[in-house]
Amino acid sequence: MVSSRSVWLPVAFAAWIGAGPSAPAPAGEPKVEVRVCNYAQLADFIQKNRGKVILVDMWNLGCPPCIQAMPHLNELHAKYASKGLVIVSLNLDNPKDEDNVAEVKALLTRKKMGAVNNIMLDEDQKFWTSKFKISGVPAVFLFDRDGKWHKYYEGTLQVQDETRRVKVEVVEAAVKALLAQPAKNAK
């Protein structure tokens, strides 16, 4: 069963804090941009995209199932962006560690993730595990067109199998269902 809750999303936050230059994109691929933001700025981004379905894929460099699911994010973007899907690849590694930032950018470039919104969360683990009510990754959050969130992780909706592999077919089915629903509270 999908749980949904209204999310308080502050509107008056400053623009994104840009990260340094990204690795060059392969020819024909969108350049990978990685931005650093805090939770409030992420909430502001979600608020600004009300009327669309937003998929937030939380991951870190030490999570092989997260990295294995990345190509599916590109597939979802290609299939559903024109229908109102916005994808956020939310990395939870330390954005203050230059080696982490370089490794994240290199991985995102190898995985051809330039078409999605790539963000490094500038919050410590204690904060995000408490705020998102998760124990770790992979974790996928979906926000419907009205800004209500549907969280999928661990045992919820069986998004992961026993090996922690993200069941991308479950995520895609949820995306399709939310895209089919009109916004109840237009902007």
N, C-alpha and C. Protein backbone atom coordinates (compact mmCIF):
# COMPACT_ATOMS: atom_id res chain seq x y z
N MET A 1 0.84 -1.17 0.00
CA MET A 1 0.00 0.00 0.00
C MET A 1 0.89 1.24 0.00
N VAL A 2 0.52 2.22 -0.77
CA VAL A 2 1.27 3.46 -0.88
C VAL A 2 0.87 4.36 0.27
N SER A 3 1.86 4.86 1.00
CA SER A 3 1.53 5.82 2.04
C SER A 3 1.76 7.20 1.47
N SER A 4 0.87 8.10 1.77
CA SER A 4 1.08 9.45 1.29
C SER A 4 0.82 10.44 2.40
N ARG A 5 1.60 11.48 2.37
CA ARG A 5 1.47 12.53 3.36
C ARG A 5 1.69 13.85 2.66
N SER A 6 1.09 14.86 3.19
CA SER A 6 1.38 16.19 2.68
C SER A 6 2.75 16.58 3.19
N VAL A 7 3.46 17.31 2.39
CA VAL A 7 4.80 17.73 2.77
C VAL A 7 4.81 19.24 2.88
N TRP A 8 5.33 19.75 3.97
CA TRP A 8 5.51 21.17 4.11
C TRP A 8 6.72 21.54 3.28
N LEU A 9 6.54 22.41 2.35
CA LEU A 9 7.62 22.79 1.45
C LEU A 9 7.81 24.30 1.49
N PRO A 10 8.89 24.78 2.10
CA PRO A 10 9.09 26.21 2.17
C PRO A 10 9.31 26.82 0.78
N VAL A 11 8.75 27.97 0.56
CA VAL A 11 8.83 28.60 -0.75
C VAL A 11 9.94 29.64 -0.80
N ALA A 12 10.28 30.23 0.32
CA ALA A 12 11.18 31.39 0.31
C ALA A 12 12.63 31.01 0.50
N PHE A 13 13.14 30.02 -0.21
CA PHE A 13 14.55 29.67 -0.07
C PHE A 13 15.36 30.19 -1.24
N ALA A 14 16.63 30.44 -0.99
CA ALA A 14 17.52 30.95 -2.03
C ALA A 14 17.68 29.93 -3.15
N ALA A 15 18.21 30.39 -4.25
CA ALA A 15 18.44 29.52 -5.41
C ALA A 15 19.48 28.45 -5.05
N TRP A 16 19.54 27.46 -5.91
CA TRP A 16 20.49 26.36 -5.71
C TRP A 16 21.91 26.89 -5.53
N ILE A 17 22.66 26.15 -4.74
CA ILE A 17 24.08 26.44 -4.59
C ILE A 17 24.78 25.58 -5.63
N GLY A 18 25.43 26.18 -6.58
CA GLY A 18 26.06 25.40 -7.65
C GLY A 18 27.34 24.75 -7.19
N ALA A 19 27.56 23.54 -7.65
CA ALA A 19 28.82 22.84 -7.40
C ALA A 19 29.82 23.28 -8.46
N GLY A 20 31.03 22.85 -8.34
CA GLY A 20 32.07 23.20 -9.29
C GLY A 20 31.82 22.60 -10.67
N PRO A 21 32.75 22.82 -11.60
CA PRO A 21 32.55 22.33 -12.95
C PRO A 21 32.46 20.80 -12.99
N SER A 22 31.66 20.32 -13.95
CA SER A 22 31.46 18.88 -14.10
C SER A 22 32.43 18.31 -15.12
N ALA A 23 32.58 16.99 -15.09
CA ALA A 23 33.40 16.31 -16.08
C ALA A 23 32.74 16.49 -17.44
N PRO A 24 33.54 16.50 -18.52
CA PRO A 24 32.93 16.68 -19.83
C PRO A 24 32.01 15.51 -20.17
N ALA A 25 30.90 15.83 -20.83
CA ALA A 25 29.95 14.80 -21.23
C ALA A 25 30.40 14.19 -22.54
N PRO A 26 30.13 12.88 -22.73
CA PRO A 26 30.43 12.28 -24.02
C PRO A 26 29.65 13.01 -25.11
N ALA A 27 30.18 12.99 -26.33
CA ALA A 27 29.53 13.67 -27.45
C ALA A 27 28.08 13.21 -27.58
N GLY A 28 27.17 14.17 -27.72
CA GLY A 28 25.76 13.84 -27.88
C GLY A 28 25.02 13.65 -26.58
N GLU A 29 25.70 13.63 -25.46
CA GLU A 29 25.06 13.44 -24.15
C GLU A 29 24.96 14.78 -23.45
N PRO A 30 23.86 15.01 -22.69
CA PRO A 30 23.80 16.24 -21.90
C PRO A 30 24.90 16.24 -20.85
N LYS A 31 25.48 17.41 -20.62
CA LYS A 31 26.55 17.56 -19.63
C LYS A 31 25.99 17.27 -18.24
N VAL A 32 26.74 16.54 -17.46
CA VAL A 32 26.34 16.25 -16.08
C VAL A 32 26.65 17.45 -15.21
N GLU A 33 25.61 17.97 -14.58
CA GLU A 33 25.74 19.06 -13.62
C GLU A 33 25.38 18.48 -12.26
N VAL A 34 26.15 18.81 -11.25
CA VAL A 34 25.85 18.37 -9.89
C VAL A 34 25.75 19.61 -9.02
N ARG A 35 24.63 19.72 -8.33
CA ARG A 35 24.42 20.86 -7.44
C ARG A 35 24.41 20.35 -6.01
N VAL A 36 24.83 21.20 -5.12
CA VAL A 36 24.82 20.90 -3.69
C VAL A 36 23.68 21.72 -3.09
N CYS A 37 22.85 21.06 -2.30
CA CYS A 37 21.78 21.79 -1.64
C CYS A 37 21.47 21.16 -0.30
N ASN A 38 20.78 21.91 0.53
CA ASN A 38 20.33 21.36 1.81
C ASN A 38 18.88 20.91 1.66
N TYR A 39 18.34 20.35 2.70
CA TYR A 39 16.98 19.82 2.65
C TYR A 39 15.96 20.90 2.28
N ALA A 40 16.09 22.07 2.85
CA ALA A 40 15.14 23.15 2.57
C ALA A 40 15.17 23.55 1.10
N GLN A 41 16.35 23.58 0.51
CA GLN A 41 16.45 23.91 -0.90
C GLN A 41 15.85 22.81 -1.78
N LEU A 42 16.02 21.56 -1.37
CA LEU A 42 15.39 20.45 -2.08
C LEU A 42 13.88 20.59 -1.99
N ALA A 43 13.37 20.92 -0.83
CA ALA A 43 11.93 21.12 -0.65
C ALA A 43 11.43 22.26 -1.53
N ASP A 44 12.22 23.31 -1.64
CA ASP A 44 11.86 24.44 -2.50
C ASP A 44 11.79 24.00 -3.96
N PHE A 45 12.74 23.20 -4.39
CA PHE A 45 12.74 22.67 -5.76
C PHE A 45 11.46 21.87 -6.02
N ILE A 46 11.10 21.04 -5.07
CA ILE A 46 9.89 20.23 -5.21
C ILE A 46 8.66 21.13 -5.28
N GLN A 47 8.62 22.14 -4.44
CA GLN A 47 7.51 23.09 -4.46
C GLN A 47 7.40 23.78 -5.81
N LYS A 48 8.52 24.20 -6.35
CA LYS A 48 8.52 24.90 -7.64
C LYS A 48 8.07 23.99 -8.78
N ASN A 49 8.12 22.70 -8.59
CA ASN A 49 7.72 21.75 -9.63
C ASN A 49 6.35 21.13 -9.37
N ARG A 50 5.56 21.75 -8.49
CA ARG A 50 4.19 21.25 -8.28
C ARG A 50 3.47 21.24 -9.61
N GLY A 51 2.62 20.26 -9.78
CA GLY A 51 1.94 20.07 -11.06
C GLY A 51 2.61 18.98 -11.87
N LYS A 52 3.81 18.59 -11.42
CA LYS A 52 4.55 17.50 -12.06
C LYS A 52 4.71 16.37 -11.05
N VAL A 53 5.04 15.20 -11.53
CA VAL A 53 5.38 14.07 -10.67
C VAL A 53 6.89 14.10 -10.50
N ILE A 54 7.36 14.01 -9.27
CA ILE A 54 8.80 14.10 -9.00
C ILE A 54 9.27 12.81 -8.37
N LEU A 55 10.28 12.22 -8.98
CA LEU A 55 10.91 11.02 -8.45
C LEU A 55 12.26 11.44 -7.87
N VAL A 56 12.46 11.16 -6.58
CA VAL A 56 13.73 11.45 -5.91
C VAL A 56 14.37 10.10 -5.59
N ASP A 57 15.50 9.83 -6.25
CA ASP A 57 16.23 8.59 -6.06
C ASP A 57 17.44 8.88 -5.17
N MET A 58 17.41 8.36 -3.94
CA MET A 58 18.49 8.61 -2.99
C MET A 58 19.52 7.49 -3.08
N TRP A 59 20.80 7.87 -3.13
CA TRP A 59 21.86 6.88 -3.30
C TRP A 59 23.17 7.41 -2.73
N ASN A 60 24.13 6.47 -2.62
CA ASN A 60 25.50 6.88 -2.30
C ASN A 60 26.47 5.97 -3.04
N LEU A 61 27.73 6.33 -3.01
CA LEU A 61 28.75 5.58 -3.76
C LEU A 61 28.93 4.17 -3.26
N GLY A 62 28.60 3.89 -2.01
CA GLY A 62 28.78 2.56 -1.45
C GLY A 62 27.56 1.66 -1.61
N CYS A 63 26.66 2.00 -2.52
CA CYS A 63 25.42 1.24 -2.69
C CYS A 63 25.35 0.67 -4.12
N PRO A 64 25.87 -0.54 -4.35
CA PRO A 64 25.80 -1.12 -5.70
C PRO A 64 24.38 -1.21 -6.26
N PRO A 65 23.35 -1.59 -5.48
CA PRO A 65 22.01 -1.63 -6.07
C PRO A 65 21.54 -0.25 -6.55
N CYS A 66 21.96 0.80 -5.86
CA CYS A 66 21.59 2.16 -6.28
C CYS A 66 22.20 2.46 -7.65
N ILE A 67 23.47 2.15 -7.79
CA ILE A 67 24.19 2.44 -9.02
C ILE A 67 23.65 1.58 -10.17
N GLN A 68 23.30 0.33 -9.86
CA GLN A 68 22.74 -0.54 -10.89
C GLN A 68 21.39 -0.03 -11.40
N ALA A 69 20.66 0.71 -10.59
CA ALA A 69 19.34 1.22 -10.99
C ALA A 69 19.42 2.52 -11.80
N MET A 70 20.59 3.14 -11.86
CA MET A 70 20.71 4.44 -12.54
C MET A 70 20.25 4.42 -13.99
N PRO A 71 20.61 3.42 -14.79
CA PRO A 71 20.13 3.44 -16.18
C PRO A 71 18.60 3.50 -16.27
N HIS A 72 17.92 2.94 -15.29
CA HIS A 72 16.46 2.99 -15.30
C HIS A 72 15.95 4.42 -15.13
N LEU A 73 16.67 5.25 -14.37
CA LEU A 73 16.27 6.64 -14.24
C LEU A 73 16.30 7.33 -15.60
N ASN A 74 17.35 7.03 -16.38
CA ASN A 74 17.42 7.60 -17.73
C ASN A 74 16.26 7.12 -18.60
N GLU A 75 15.91 5.85 -18.48
CA GLU A 75 14.79 5.30 -19.25
C GLU A 75 13.48 5.99 -18.85
N LEU A 76 13.28 6.15 -17.55
CA LEU A 76 12.08 6.84 -17.08
C LEU A 76 12.03 8.27 -17.59
N HIS A 77 13.17 8.94 -17.55
CA HIS A 77 13.21 10.31 -18.05
C HIS A 77 12.83 10.35 -19.53
N ALA A 78 13.42 9.47 -20.32
CA ALA A 78 13.14 9.44 -21.76
C ALA A 78 11.66 9.15 -22.04
N LYS A 79 11.06 8.26 -21.26
CA LYS A 79 9.66 7.87 -21.49
C LYS A 79 8.66 8.89 -20.98
N TYR A 80 8.94 9.51 -19.85
CA TYR A 80 7.89 10.25 -19.14
C TYR A 80 8.14 11.73 -18.88
N ALA A 81 9.30 12.27 -19.21
CA ALA A 81 9.56 13.69 -18.95
C ALA A 81 8.55 14.56 -19.68
N SER A 82 8.21 14.19 -20.89
CA SER A 82 7.25 15.00 -21.66
C SER A 82 5.83 14.92 -21.08
N LYS A 83 5.60 13.93 -20.21
CA LYS A 83 4.29 13.78 -19.57
C LYS A 83 4.26 14.42 -18.19
N GLY A 84 5.39 14.99 -17.77
CA GLY A 84 5.41 15.70 -16.49
C GLY A 84 6.25 15.07 -15.40
N LEU A 85 7.14 14.15 -15.75
CA LEU A 85 8.01 13.54 -14.73
C LEU A 85 9.30 14.34 -14.60
N VAL A 86 9.67 14.64 -13.36
CA VAL A 86 10.95 15.28 -13.04
C VAL A 86 11.72 14.29 -12.18
N ILE A 87 12.97 14.03 -12.55
CA ILE A 87 13.79 13.07 -11.80
C ILE A 87 14.92 13.79 -11.09
N VAL A 88 15.09 13.46 -9.81
CA VAL A 88 16.19 13.98 -9.00
C VAL A 88 17.02 12.79 -8.54
N SER A 89 18.29 12.79 -8.92
CA SER A 89 19.25 11.81 -8.44
C SER A 89 19.94 12.47 -7.25
N LEU A 90 19.59 12.01 -6.03
CA LEU A 90 20.03 12.67 -4.80
C LEU A 90 21.13 11.86 -4.13
N ASN A 91 22.36 12.34 -4.26
CA ASN A 91 23.50 11.66 -3.67
C ASN A 91 23.67 12.09 -2.22
N LEU A 92 23.98 11.12 -1.36
CA LEU A 92 24.09 11.38 0.08
C LEU A 92 25.53 11.34 0.59
N ASP A 93 26.51 11.27 -0.32
CA ASP A 93 27.91 11.32 0.11
C ASP A 93 28.26 12.75 0.51
N ASN A 94 29.37 12.92 1.19
CA ASN A 94 29.77 14.22 1.73
C ASN A 94 30.18 15.18 0.61
N PRO A 95 29.42 16.25 0.37
CA PRO A 95 29.78 17.18 -0.69
C PRO A 95 30.93 18.12 -0.32
N LYS A 96 31.38 18.05 0.93
CA LYS A 96 32.52 18.87 1.36
C LYS A 96 33.84 18.15 1.08
N ASP A 97 33.77 16.87 0.75
CA ASP A 97 34.96 16.08 0.44
C ASP A 97 35.17 16.12 -1.08
N GLU A 98 36.22 16.80 -1.51
CA GLU A 98 36.46 16.98 -2.95
C GLU A 98 36.60 15.65 -3.68
N ASP A 99 37.18 14.63 -3.03
CA ASP A 99 37.29 13.32 -3.68
C ASP A 99 35.91 12.71 -3.91
N ASN A 100 35.01 12.84 -2.92
CA ASN A 100 33.63 12.35 -3.10
C ASN A 100 32.96 13.05 -4.27
N VAL A 101 33.09 14.36 -4.31
CA VAL A 101 32.44 15.14 -5.37
C VAL A 101 32.96 14.69 -6.73
N ALA A 102 34.27 14.54 -6.86
CA ALA A 102 34.86 14.11 -8.13
C ALA A 102 34.38 12.71 -8.51
N GLU A 103 34.33 11.81 -7.54
CA GLU A 103 33.88 10.45 -7.81
C GLU A 103 32.40 10.42 -8.21
N VAL A 104 31.58 11.20 -7.53
CA VAL A 104 30.15 11.28 -7.87
C VAL A 104 29.98 11.80 -9.29
N LYS A 105 30.67 12.88 -9.63
CA LYS A 105 30.57 13.45 -10.99
C LYS A 105 31.04 12.46 -12.04
N ALA A 106 32.15 11.77 -11.76
CA ALA A 106 32.67 10.79 -12.73
C ALA A 106 31.68 9.65 -12.94
N LEU A 107 31.10 9.15 -11.85
CA LEU A 107 30.12 8.06 -11.96
C LEU A 107 28.89 8.52 -12.73
N LEU A 108 28.37 9.69 -12.41
CA LEU A 108 27.18 10.19 -13.11
C LEU A 108 27.47 10.39 -14.60
N THR A 109 28.67 10.82 -14.92
CA THR A 109 29.06 10.98 -16.33
C THR A 109 29.13 9.62 -17.01
N ARG A 110 29.76 8.63 -16.36
CA ARG A 110 29.82 7.27 -16.94
C ARG A 110 28.43 6.69 -17.16
N LYS A 111 27.52 6.98 -16.23
CA LYS A 111 26.15 6.45 -16.32
C LYS A 111 25.25 7.34 -17.19
N LYS A 112 25.83 8.38 -17.79
CA LYS A 112 25.11 9.27 -18.71
C LYS A 112 23.87 9.88 -18.06
N MET A 113 24.07 10.46 -16.88
CA MET A 113 22.98 11.00 -16.08
C MET A 113 22.80 12.51 -16.26
N GLY A 114 23.20 13.05 -17.39
CA GLY A 114 23.10 14.48 -17.62
C GLY A 114 21.69 15.01 -17.81
N ALA A 115 20.74 14.15 -18.16
CA ALA A 115 19.36 14.61 -18.42
C ALA A 115 18.54 14.78 -17.16
N VAL A 116 19.01 14.27 -16.03
CA VAL A 116 18.24 14.37 -14.78
C VAL A 116 18.87 15.42 -13.87
N ASN A 117 18.18 15.78 -12.80
CA ASN A 117 18.67 16.74 -11.82
C ASN A 117 19.56 16.01 -10.82
N ASN A 118 20.85 16.27 -10.87
CA ASN A 118 21.81 15.60 -9.99
C ASN A 118 22.16 16.52 -8.84
N ILE A 119 21.89 16.03 -7.63
CA ILE A 119 22.07 16.84 -6.43
C ILE A 119 22.85 16.05 -5.39
N MET A 120 23.75 16.74 -4.70
CA MET A 120 24.39 16.18 -3.51
C MET A 120 23.77 16.89 -2.32
N LEU A 121 23.26 16.11 -1.38
CA LEU A 121 22.60 16.67 -0.21
C LEU A 121 23.63 17.08 0.83
N ASP A 122 23.57 18.34 1.23
CA ASP A 122 24.51 18.89 2.20
C ASP A 122 23.92 18.82 3.61
N GLU A 123 23.66 17.60 4.03
CA GLU A 123 23.14 17.34 5.38
C GLU A 123 23.83 16.08 5.88
N ASP A 124 24.02 15.98 7.20
CA ASP A 124 24.67 14.78 7.71
C ASP A 124 23.69 13.61 7.78
N GLN A 125 24.24 12.41 7.91
CA GLN A 125 23.43 11.19 7.88
C GLN A 125 22.37 11.17 8.97
N LYS A 126 22.71 11.62 10.16
CA LYS A 126 21.73 11.63 11.24
C LYS A 126 20.51 12.47 10.86
N PHE A 127 20.75 13.60 10.22
CA PHE A 127 19.65 14.47 9.80
C PHE A 127 18.77 13.78 8.76
N TRP A 128 19.39 13.28 7.65
CA TRP A 128 18.55 12.74 6.59
C TRP A 128 17.88 11.43 6.94
N THR A 129 18.51 10.60 7.79
CA THR A 129 17.82 9.37 8.19
C THR A 129 16.61 9.70 9.05
N SER A 130 16.72 10.74 9.87
CA SER A 130 15.59 11.18 10.69
C SER A 130 14.53 11.87 9.84
N LYS A 131 14.95 12.79 9.00
CA LYS A 131 14.01 13.60 8.21
C LYS A 131 13.24 12.73 7.20
N PHE A 132 13.94 11.83 6.53
CA PHE A 132 13.30 10.99 5.52
C PHE A 132 12.75 9.69 6.10
N LYS A 133 13.04 9.45 7.38
CA LYS A 133 12.57 8.23 8.05
C LYS A 133 13.05 6.95 7.34
N ILE A 134 14.32 6.95 6.99
CA ILE A 134 14.92 5.78 6.35
C ILE A 134 16.18 5.39 7.11
N SER A 135 16.59 4.14 6.95
CA SER A 135 17.83 3.69 7.59
C SER A 135 19.00 3.70 6.63
N GLY A 136 18.73 3.79 5.36
CA GLY A 136 19.79 3.80 4.36
C GLY A 136 19.22 3.77 2.97
N VAL A 137 20.09 3.51 2.02
CA VAL A 137 19.71 3.49 0.62
C VAL A 137 19.85 2.06 0.07
N PRO A 138 19.21 1.75 -1.03
CA PRO A 138 18.46 2.64 -1.90
C PRO A 138 17.13 3.06 -1.29
N ALA A 139 16.71 4.26 -1.66
CA ALA A 139 15.41 4.79 -1.25
C ALA A 139 14.87 5.64 -2.39
N VAL A 140 13.60 5.48 -2.67
CA VAL A 140 12.96 6.23 -3.74
C VAL A 140 11.74 6.92 -3.16
N PHE A 141 11.62 8.21 -3.42
CA PHE A 141 10.46 8.97 -3.01
C PHE A 141 9.78 9.50 -4.26
N LEU A 142 8.48 9.41 -4.29
CA LEU A 142 7.70 9.98 -5.38
C LEU A 142 6.77 11.04 -4.81
N PHE A 143 6.72 12.18 -5.47
CA PHE A 143 5.81 13.25 -5.11
C PHE A 143 4.78 13.36 -6.22
N ASP A 144 3.51 13.36 -5.85
CA ASP A 144 2.47 13.49 -6.87
C ASP A 144 2.35 14.94 -7.32
N ARG A 145 1.45 15.20 -8.23
CA ARG A 145 1.30 16.54 -8.82
C ARG A 145 0.89 17.59 -7.79
N ASP A 146 0.35 17.17 -6.66
CA ASP A 146 -0.05 18.10 -5.61
C ASP A 146 1.01 18.26 -4.52
N GLY A 147 2.16 17.64 -4.70
CA GLY A 147 3.23 17.78 -3.72
C GLY A 147 3.16 16.80 -2.56
N LYS A 148 2.23 15.83 -2.62
CA LYS A 148 2.18 14.80 -1.58
C LYS A 148 3.22 13.74 -1.93
N TRP A 149 3.87 13.23 -0.90
CA TRP A 149 4.92 12.26 -1.16
C TRP A 149 4.49 10.86 -0.84
N HIS A 150 5.03 9.97 -1.63
CA HIS A 150 4.81 8.53 -1.52
C HIS A 150 6.21 7.94 -1.37
N LYS A 151 6.51 7.36 -0.22
CA LYS A 151 7.87 6.87 -0.06
C LYS A 151 7.93 5.38 -0.26
N TYR A 152 8.99 4.95 -0.88
CA TYR A 152 9.21 3.55 -1.19
C TYR A 152 10.62 3.20 -0.74
N TYR A 153 10.74 2.34 0.22
CA TYR A 153 12.05 1.90 0.64
C TYR A 153 11.89 0.65 1.48
N GLU A 154 12.97 -0.04 1.66
CA GLU A 154 12.99 -1.26 2.45
C GLU A 154 11.79 -2.13 2.10
N GLY A 155 10.88 -2.43 2.99
CA GLY A 155 9.78 -3.34 2.71
C GLY A 155 8.58 -2.70 2.05
N THR A 156 8.52 -1.37 1.98
CA THR A 156 7.35 -0.69 1.43
C THR A 156 7.20 -1.01 -0.05
N LEU A 157 6.07 -1.53 -0.42
CA LEU A 157 5.74 -1.86 -1.80
C LEU A 157 6.72 -2.83 -2.44
N GLN A 158 7.53 -3.48 -1.64
CA GLN A 158 8.50 -4.44 -2.17
C GLN A 158 9.35 -3.83 -3.28
N VAL A 159 9.82 -2.62 -3.06
CA VAL A 159 10.65 -1.96 -4.07
C VAL A 159 12.03 -2.59 -4.15
N GLN A 160 12.44 -3.27 -3.10
CA GLN A 160 13.72 -3.97 -3.13
C GLN A 160 13.46 -5.46 -2.97
N ASP A 161 14.28 -6.26 -3.64
CA ASP A 161 14.18 -7.69 -3.41
C ASP A 161 15.17 -8.07 -2.31
N GLU A 162 15.34 -9.35 -2.09
CA GLU A 162 16.20 -9.80 -0.98
C GLU A 162 17.67 -9.42 -1.15
N THR A 163 18.08 -9.07 -2.36
CA THR A 163 19.47 -8.65 -2.60
C THR A 163 19.61 -7.13 -2.57
N ARG A 164 18.53 -6.41 -2.23
CA ARG A 164 18.46 -4.95 -2.21
C ARG A 164 18.37 -4.36 -3.61
N ARG A 165 18.22 -5.20 -4.63
CA ARG A 165 18.05 -4.69 -5.99
C ARG A 165 16.75 -3.89 -6.03
N VAL A 166 16.83 -2.71 -6.64
CA VAL A 166 15.64 -1.89 -6.77
C VAL A 166 14.74 -2.54 -7.83
N LYS A 167 13.51 -2.80 -7.46
CA LYS A 167 12.55 -3.36 -8.42
C LYS A 167 12.03 -2.22 -9.28
N VAL A 168 12.75 -1.96 -10.34
CA VAL A 168 12.46 -0.80 -11.17
C VAL A 168 11.07 -0.87 -11.79
N GLU A 169 10.56 -2.08 -12.00
CA GLU A 169 9.22 -2.22 -12.56
C GLU A 169 8.15 -1.70 -11.59
N VAL A 170 8.38 -1.85 -10.30
CA VAL A 170 7.45 -1.34 -9.29
C VAL A 170 7.49 0.19 -9.27
N VAL A 171 8.69 0.73 -9.34
CA VAL A 171 8.84 2.19 -9.35
C VAL A 171 8.17 2.76 -10.61
N GLU A 172 8.42 2.13 -11.76
CA GLU A 172 7.82 2.63 -13.00
C GLU A 172 6.30 2.56 -12.95
N ALA A 173 5.75 1.50 -12.43
CA ALA A 173 4.29 1.38 -12.33
C ALA A 173 3.73 2.49 -11.44
N ALA A 174 4.42 2.82 -10.35
CA ALA A 174 3.96 3.89 -9.47
C ALA A 174 4.05 5.24 -10.17
N VAL A 175 5.12 5.46 -10.93
CA VAL A 175 5.27 6.70 -11.70
C VAL A 175 4.12 6.84 -12.69
N LYS A 176 3.84 5.77 -13.43
CA LYS A 176 2.75 5.81 -14.42
C LYS A 176 1.41 6.11 -13.75
N ALA A 177 1.17 5.50 -12.61
CA ALA A 177 -0.10 5.73 -11.90
C ALA A 177 -0.22 7.18 -11.45
N LEU A 178 0.86 7.76 -10.94
CA LEU A 178 0.82 9.16 -10.50
C LEU A 178 0.71 10.12 -11.68
N LEU A 179 1.36 9.80 -12.79
CA LEU A 179 1.26 10.66 -13.97
C LEU A 179 -0.16 10.68 -14.53
N ALA A 180 -0.89 9.59 -14.33
CA ALA A 180 -2.26 9.49 -14.84
C ALA A 180 -3.25 10.30 -14.01
N GLN A 181 -2.84 10.69 -12.81
CA GLN A 181 -3.73 11.45 -11.93
C GLN A 181 -3.55 12.95 -12.16
N PRO A 182 -4.66 13.67 -12.33
CA PRO A 182 -4.54 15.12 -12.47
C PRO A 182 -4.24 15.76 -11.11
N ALA A 183 -3.68 16.94 -11.16
CA ALA A 183 -3.45 17.68 -9.91
C ALA A 183 -4.79 18.13 -9.37
N LYS A 184 -4.99 17.96 -8.07
CA LYS A 184 -6.24 18.38 -7.42
C LYS A 184 -6.17 19.85 -7.04
N ASN A 185 -4.97 20.28 -6.72
CA ASN A 185 -4.76 21.67 -6.27
C ASN A 185 -3.79 22.35 -7.21
N ALA A 186 -4.30 22.87 -8.31
CA ALA A 186 -3.43 23.52 -9.30
C ALA A 186 -2.72 24.71 -8.66
N LYS A 187 -1.58 25.07 -9.24
CA LYS A 187 -0.78 26.20 -8.72
C LYS A 187 -1.59 27.46 -8.68
